[in-house]
Amino acid sequence: MQIAARHLDKTTIFDISGDIDLATSPQLRKALLRELRELKMPRVVLNLGAVRYIDSSGVASLVEGLKASRDVGSRLILFGLNKTVREVLQLSKLVRIFEIYENEAQSVAP
């Protein structure tokens, strides 16, 4: 998994590629919690368009990020979910919990 961070106004955008699994999810968790808890970014956006696979540990990292965002009053937004990632979130009933958009323009709109 690769994570590249971009900053746009008061938003951090993480472009994530590869697999989010047991081996890589701690890296994602660390990046998310740093932006949310330490830097207190008002909005953190995850571009999941290049994620091929996500397992339960990856989902747990997303949920932990969502909880942290709610604790500090910011927004965690997902976009670009491919069929595989969307199915995992649908099976775990998380599509209703996360703020999900189709593209970056929608996810960074005020």
N, C-alpha and C. Protein backbone atom coordinates (compact mmCIF):
# COMPACT_ATOMS: atom_id res chain seq x y z
N MET A 1 0.84 -1.18 0.00
CA MET A 1 0.00 0.00 0.00
C MET A 1 0.88 1.24 0.00
N GLN A 2 0.47 2.23 -0.75
CA GLN A 2 1.13 3.53 -0.81
C GLN A 2 0.12 4.60 -0.38
N ILE A 3 0.61 5.56 0.41
CA ILE A 3 -0.23 6.70 0.80
C ILE A 3 0.50 7.97 0.43
N ALA A 4 -0.17 8.83 -0.33
CA ALA A 4 0.37 10.15 -0.65
C ALA A 4 -0.61 11.19 -0.12
N ALA A 5 -0.10 12.16 0.62
CA ALA A 5 -0.96 13.19 1.20
C ALA A 5 -0.86 14.49 0.41
N ARG A 6 -2.01 15.11 0.21
CA ARG A 6 -2.09 16.44 -0.40
C ARG A 6 -2.91 17.32 0.54
N HIS A 7 -2.61 18.60 0.53
CA HIS A 7 -3.37 19.53 1.36
C HIS A 7 -4.03 20.58 0.48
N LEU A 8 -5.31 20.77 0.71
CA LEU A 8 -6.11 21.71 -0.07
C LEU A 8 -6.94 22.51 0.93
N ASP A 9 -6.55 23.76 1.15
CA ASP A 9 -7.22 24.61 2.13
C ASP A 9 -7.20 23.91 3.49
N LYS A 10 -8.34 23.61 4.07
CA LYS A 10 -8.39 22.95 5.39
C LYS A 10 -8.74 21.47 5.25
N THR A 11 -8.27 20.89 4.16
CA THR A 11 -8.56 19.49 3.86
C THR A 11 -7.27 18.74 3.57
N THR A 12 -7.16 17.55 4.13
CA THR A 12 -6.07 16.65 3.76
C THR A 12 -6.67 15.57 2.88
N ILE A 13 -6.05 15.33 1.73
CA ILE A 13 -6.50 14.27 0.83
C ILE A 13 -5.42 13.21 0.79
N PHE A 14 -5.79 11.99 1.14
CA PHE A 14 -4.88 10.86 1.05
C PHE A 14 -5.21 10.07 -0.20
N ASP A 15 -4.24 9.96 -1.11
CA ASP A 15 -4.38 9.10 -2.28
C ASP A 15 -3.77 7.76 -1.91
N ILE A 16 -4.61 6.74 -1.83
CA ILE A 16 -4.16 5.43 -1.36
C ILE A 16 -4.21 4.45 -2.52
N SER A 17 -3.17 3.63 -2.63
CA SER A 17 -3.15 2.62 -3.69
C SER A 17 -2.64 1.30 -3.12
N GLY A 18 -3.03 0.22 -3.78
CA GLY A 18 -2.60 -1.11 -3.34
C GLY A 18 -3.63 -1.78 -2.46
N ASP A 19 -3.16 -2.62 -1.55
CA ASP A 19 -4.04 -3.39 -0.67
C ASP A 19 -3.98 -2.82 0.74
N ILE A 20 -5.16 -2.71 1.36
CA ILE A 20 -5.22 -2.33 2.77
C ILE A 20 -5.54 -3.61 3.54
N ASP A 21 -4.51 -4.19 4.16
CA ASP A 21 -4.68 -5.47 4.84
C ASP A 21 -3.96 -5.44 6.19
N LEU A 22 -3.84 -6.60 6.80
CA LEU A 22 -3.24 -6.70 8.13
C LEU A 22 -1.84 -6.10 8.17
N ALA A 23 -1.08 -6.25 7.10
CA ALA A 23 0.29 -5.74 7.07
C ALA A 23 0.35 -4.23 6.89
N THR A 24 -0.60 -3.65 6.17
CA THR A 24 -0.52 -2.23 5.83
C THR A 24 -1.49 -1.34 6.60
N SER A 25 -2.51 -1.92 7.21
CA SER A 25 -3.51 -1.08 7.89
C SER A 25 -2.93 -0.24 9.03
N PRO A 26 -1.89 -0.70 9.77
CA PRO A 26 -1.33 0.19 10.80
C PRO A 26 -0.77 1.50 10.23
N GLN A 27 -0.23 1.44 9.02
CA GLN A 27 0.29 2.64 8.36
C GLN A 27 -0.86 3.62 8.07
N LEU A 28 -1.98 3.09 7.59
CA LEU A 28 -3.15 3.93 7.31
C LEU A 28 -3.69 4.51 8.61
N ARG A 29 -3.82 3.67 9.64
CA ARG A 29 -4.34 4.12 10.93
C ARG A 29 -3.49 5.26 11.48
N LYS A 30 -2.18 5.11 11.43
CA LYS A 30 -1.26 6.13 11.94
C LYS A 30 -1.43 7.45 11.19
N ALA A 31 -1.52 7.38 9.86
CA ALA A 31 -1.68 8.59 9.05
C ALA A 31 -3.00 9.29 9.36
N LEU A 32 -4.07 8.50 9.45
CA LEU A 32 -5.40 9.07 9.73
C LEU A 32 -5.43 9.74 11.10
N LEU A 33 -4.96 9.03 12.12
CA LEU A 33 -5.03 9.56 13.48
C LEU A 33 -4.15 10.79 13.66
N ARG A 34 -3.03 10.84 12.95
CA ARG A 34 -2.17 12.03 13.01
C ARG A 34 -2.92 13.25 12.49
N GLU A 35 -3.55 13.11 11.32
CA GLU A 35 -4.27 14.24 10.73
C GLU A 35 -5.45 14.68 11.60
N LEU A 36 -6.14 13.70 12.18
CA LEU A 36 -7.35 14.01 12.93
C LEU A 36 -7.06 14.44 14.37
N ARG A 37 -6.29 13.66 15.09
CA ARG A 37 -6.08 13.94 16.52
C ARG A 37 -4.99 14.97 16.78
N GLU A 38 -3.88 14.89 16.04
CA GLU A 38 -2.76 15.79 16.30
C GLU A 38 -2.91 17.11 15.54
N LEU A 39 -3.18 17.03 14.24
CA LEU A 39 -3.26 18.25 13.43
C LEU A 39 -4.66 18.86 13.41
N LYS A 40 -5.66 18.11 13.88
CA LYS A 40 -7.04 18.58 13.96
C LYS A 40 -7.56 19.14 12.64
N MET A 41 -7.27 18.41 11.55
CA MET A 41 -7.76 18.84 10.24
C MET A 41 -9.28 18.76 10.22
N PRO A 42 -9.96 19.81 9.72
CA PRO A 42 -11.43 19.79 9.69
C PRO A 42 -12.02 18.73 8.76
N ARG A 43 -11.23 18.37 7.72
CA ARG A 43 -11.75 17.39 6.76
C ARG A 43 -10.58 16.53 6.27
N VAL A 44 -10.77 15.22 6.36
CA VAL A 44 -9.78 14.27 5.83
C VAL A 44 -10.51 13.42 4.79
N VAL A 45 -9.97 13.41 3.57
CA VAL A 45 -10.59 12.73 2.45
C VAL A 45 -9.69 11.58 2.01
N LEU A 46 -10.27 10.41 1.84
CA LEU A 46 -9.52 9.25 1.38
C LEU A 46 -9.93 8.90 -0.04
N ASN A 47 -8.96 8.99 -0.96
CA ASN A 47 -9.17 8.58 -2.34
C ASN A 47 -8.84 7.09 -2.42
N LEU A 48 -9.88 6.26 -2.51
CA LEU A 48 -9.69 4.81 -2.53
C LEU A 48 -9.77 4.23 -3.93
N GLY A 49 -9.68 5.08 -4.93
CA GLY A 49 -9.82 4.64 -6.32
C GLY A 49 -8.79 3.62 -6.77
N ALA A 50 -7.60 3.63 -6.19
CA ALA A 50 -6.55 2.70 -6.60
C ALA A 50 -6.33 1.58 -5.58
N VAL A 51 -7.29 1.43 -4.65
CA VAL A 51 -7.20 0.33 -3.68
C VAL A 51 -7.79 -0.91 -4.32
N ARG A 52 -6.98 -1.97 -4.39
CA ARG A 52 -7.45 -3.21 -5.02
C ARG A 52 -8.22 -4.10 -4.06
N TYR A 53 -7.85 -4.03 -2.76
CA TYR A 53 -8.38 -4.99 -1.78
C TYR A 53 -8.35 -4.35 -0.40
N ILE A 54 -9.37 -4.64 0.41
CA ILE A 54 -9.38 -4.20 1.80
C ILE A 54 -9.92 -5.36 2.65
N ASP A 55 -9.23 -5.67 3.74
CA ASP A 55 -9.71 -6.74 4.61
C ASP A 55 -10.27 -6.13 5.90
N SER A 56 -10.61 -7.00 6.85
CA SER A 56 -11.26 -6.52 8.08
C SER A 56 -10.37 -5.58 8.88
N SER A 57 -9.05 -5.79 8.85
CA SER A 57 -8.17 -4.87 9.59
C SER A 57 -8.15 -3.50 8.92
N GLY A 58 -8.26 -3.47 7.60
CA GLY A 58 -8.36 -2.20 6.89
C GLY A 58 -9.65 -1.48 7.21
N VAL A 59 -10.75 -2.24 7.25
CA VAL A 59 -12.05 -1.67 7.62
C VAL A 59 -11.98 -1.13 9.05
N ALA A 60 -11.34 -1.89 9.95
CA ALA A 60 -11.20 -1.44 11.34
C ALA A 60 -10.43 -0.12 11.42
N SER A 61 -9.42 0.05 10.58
CA SER A 61 -8.67 1.31 10.56
C SER A 61 -9.55 2.46 10.09
N LEU A 62 -10.40 2.22 9.09
CA LEU A 62 -11.32 3.25 8.62
C LEU A 62 -12.31 3.62 9.72
N VAL A 63 -12.83 2.60 10.42
CA VAL A 63 -13.79 2.85 11.50
C VAL A 63 -13.12 3.63 12.64
N GLU A 64 -11.89 3.29 12.98
CA GLU A 64 -11.17 4.02 14.01
C GLU A 64 -10.96 5.47 13.59
N GLY A 65 -10.64 5.68 12.32
CA GLY A 65 -10.51 7.04 11.81
C GLY A 65 -11.82 7.81 11.88
N LEU A 66 -12.92 7.14 11.57
CA LEU A 66 -14.23 7.77 11.64
C LEU A 66 -14.56 8.17 13.07
N LYS A 67 -14.28 7.28 14.01
CA LYS A 67 -14.53 7.59 15.43
C LYS A 67 -13.68 8.78 15.86
N ALA A 68 -12.40 8.79 15.48
CA ALA A 68 -11.52 9.90 15.83
C ALA A 68 -12.03 11.22 15.23
N SER A 69 -12.53 11.16 14.00
CA SER A 69 -13.04 12.37 13.35
C SER A 69 -14.24 12.91 14.11
N ARG A 70 -15.09 12.02 14.56
CA ARG A 70 -16.27 12.46 15.32
C ARG A 70 -15.86 13.00 16.68
N ASP A 71 -14.85 12.40 17.29
CA ASP A 71 -14.38 12.87 18.60
C ASP A 71 -13.85 14.29 18.55
N VAL A 72 -13.20 14.66 17.44
CA VAL A 72 -12.61 16.00 17.33
C VAL A 72 -13.47 16.96 16.50
N GLY A 73 -14.62 16.48 16.02
CA GLY A 73 -15.53 17.35 15.27
C GLY A 73 -15.13 17.62 13.84
N SER A 74 -14.42 16.68 13.21
CA SER A 74 -14.06 16.86 11.81
C SER A 74 -14.81 15.82 10.96
N ARG A 75 -14.53 15.85 9.66
CA ARG A 75 -15.21 14.94 8.74
C ARG A 75 -14.21 14.00 8.11
N LEU A 76 -14.55 12.72 8.05
CA LEU A 76 -13.78 11.72 7.31
C LEU A 76 -14.63 11.32 6.11
N ILE A 77 -14.09 11.52 4.91
CA ILE A 77 -14.85 11.30 3.68
C ILE A 77 -14.10 10.31 2.80
N LEU A 78 -14.85 9.40 2.19
CA LEU A 78 -14.28 8.42 1.26
C LEU A 78 -14.79 8.72 -0.14
N PHE A 79 -13.93 8.51 -1.15
CA PHE A 79 -14.43 8.59 -2.53
C PHE A 79 -13.64 7.64 -3.42
N GLY A 80 -14.23 7.37 -4.59
CA GLY A 80 -13.57 6.53 -5.59
C GLY A 80 -13.58 5.04 -5.26
N LEU A 81 -14.58 4.59 -4.52
CA LEU A 81 -14.62 3.18 -4.14
C LEU A 81 -14.86 2.31 -5.37
N ASN A 82 -13.98 1.34 -5.58
CA ASN A 82 -14.21 0.40 -6.67
C ASN A 82 -15.21 -0.66 -6.20
N LYS A 83 -15.56 -1.56 -7.07
CA LYS A 83 -16.58 -2.57 -6.75
C LYS A 83 -16.20 -3.41 -5.53
N THR A 84 -14.95 -3.83 -5.46
CA THR A 84 -14.49 -4.69 -4.37
C THR A 84 -14.59 -3.99 -3.02
N VAL A 85 -14.07 -2.77 -2.95
CA VAL A 85 -14.09 -2.02 -1.68
C VAL A 85 -15.53 -1.70 -1.29
N ARG A 86 -16.34 -1.29 -2.26
CA ARG A 86 -17.74 -0.97 -1.97
C ARG A 86 -18.47 -2.20 -1.42
N GLU A 87 -18.22 -3.37 -2.00
CA GLU A 87 -18.88 -4.59 -1.52
C GLU A 87 -18.50 -4.91 -0.08
N VAL A 88 -17.23 -4.74 0.27
CA VAL A 88 -16.80 -4.99 1.65
C VAL A 88 -17.53 -4.05 2.60
N LEU A 89 -17.63 -2.78 2.25
CA LEU A 89 -18.32 -1.82 3.12
C LEU A 89 -19.83 -2.07 3.15
N GLN A 90 -20.39 -2.57 2.04
CA GLN A 90 -21.82 -2.90 2.04
C GLN A 90 -22.10 -4.12 2.91
N LEU A 91 -21.25 -5.13 2.80
CA LEU A 91 -21.44 -6.34 3.60
C LEU A 91 -21.34 -6.05 5.09
N SER A 92 -20.48 -5.11 5.45
CA SER A 92 -20.32 -4.77 6.86
C SER A 92 -21.28 -3.65 7.28
N LYS A 93 -22.20 -3.28 6.38
CA LYS A 93 -23.23 -2.26 6.64
C LYS A 93 -22.64 -0.88 6.95
N LEU A 94 -21.44 -0.61 6.43
CA LEU A 94 -20.77 0.65 6.73
C LEU A 94 -21.00 1.72 5.67
N VAL A 95 -21.63 1.36 4.55
CA VAL A 95 -21.90 2.38 3.52
C VAL A 95 -22.86 3.43 4.04
N ARG A 96 -23.66 3.07 5.04
CA ARG A 96 -24.59 4.04 5.61
C ARG A 96 -23.93 4.89 6.69
N ILE A 97 -22.80 4.44 7.20
CA ILE A 97 -22.12 5.13 8.29
C ILE A 97 -21.12 6.17 7.76
N PHE A 98 -20.38 5.78 6.72
CA PHE A 98 -19.37 6.67 6.16
C PHE A 98 -19.98 7.68 5.20
N GLU A 99 -19.34 8.82 5.09
CA GLU A 99 -19.69 9.82 4.09
C GLU A 99 -18.92 9.43 2.83
N ILE A 100 -19.64 9.01 1.78
CA ILE A 100 -19.01 8.47 0.57
C ILE A 100 -19.48 9.25 -0.65
N TYR A 101 -18.52 9.62 -1.51
CA TYR A 101 -18.82 10.32 -2.75
C TYR A 101 -18.17 9.58 -3.91
N GLU A 102 -18.61 9.93 -5.11
CA GLU A 102 -18.08 9.28 -6.31
C GLU A 102 -16.73 9.83 -6.73
N ASN A 103 -16.52 11.16 -6.53
CA ASN A 103 -15.28 11.77 -7.04
C ASN A 103 -14.74 12.82 -6.08
N GLU A 104 -13.54 13.28 -6.38
CA GLU A 104 -12.87 14.25 -5.51
C GLU A 104 -13.60 15.58 -5.44
N ALA A 105 -14.12 16.05 -6.57
CA ALA A 105 -14.81 17.34 -6.57
C ALA A 105 -15.98 17.34 -5.59
N GLN A 106 -16.75 16.26 -5.56
CA GLN A 106 -17.87 16.17 -4.61
C GLN A 106 -17.37 16.09 -3.17
N SER A 107 -16.28 15.37 -2.96
CA SER A 107 -15.81 15.17 -1.60
C SER A 107 -15.17 16.38 -0.96
N VAL A 108 -14.69 17.33 -1.76
CA VAL A 108 -14.08 18.54 -1.20
C VAL A 108 -14.99 19.75 -1.29
N ALA A 109 -16.17 19.59 -1.88
CA ALA A 109 -17.11 20.71 -1.98
C ALA A 109 -17.57 21.12 -0.58
N PRO A 110 -17.77 22.42 -0.36
CA PRO A 110 -18.19 22.89 0.98
C PRO A 110 -19.52 22.34 1.43
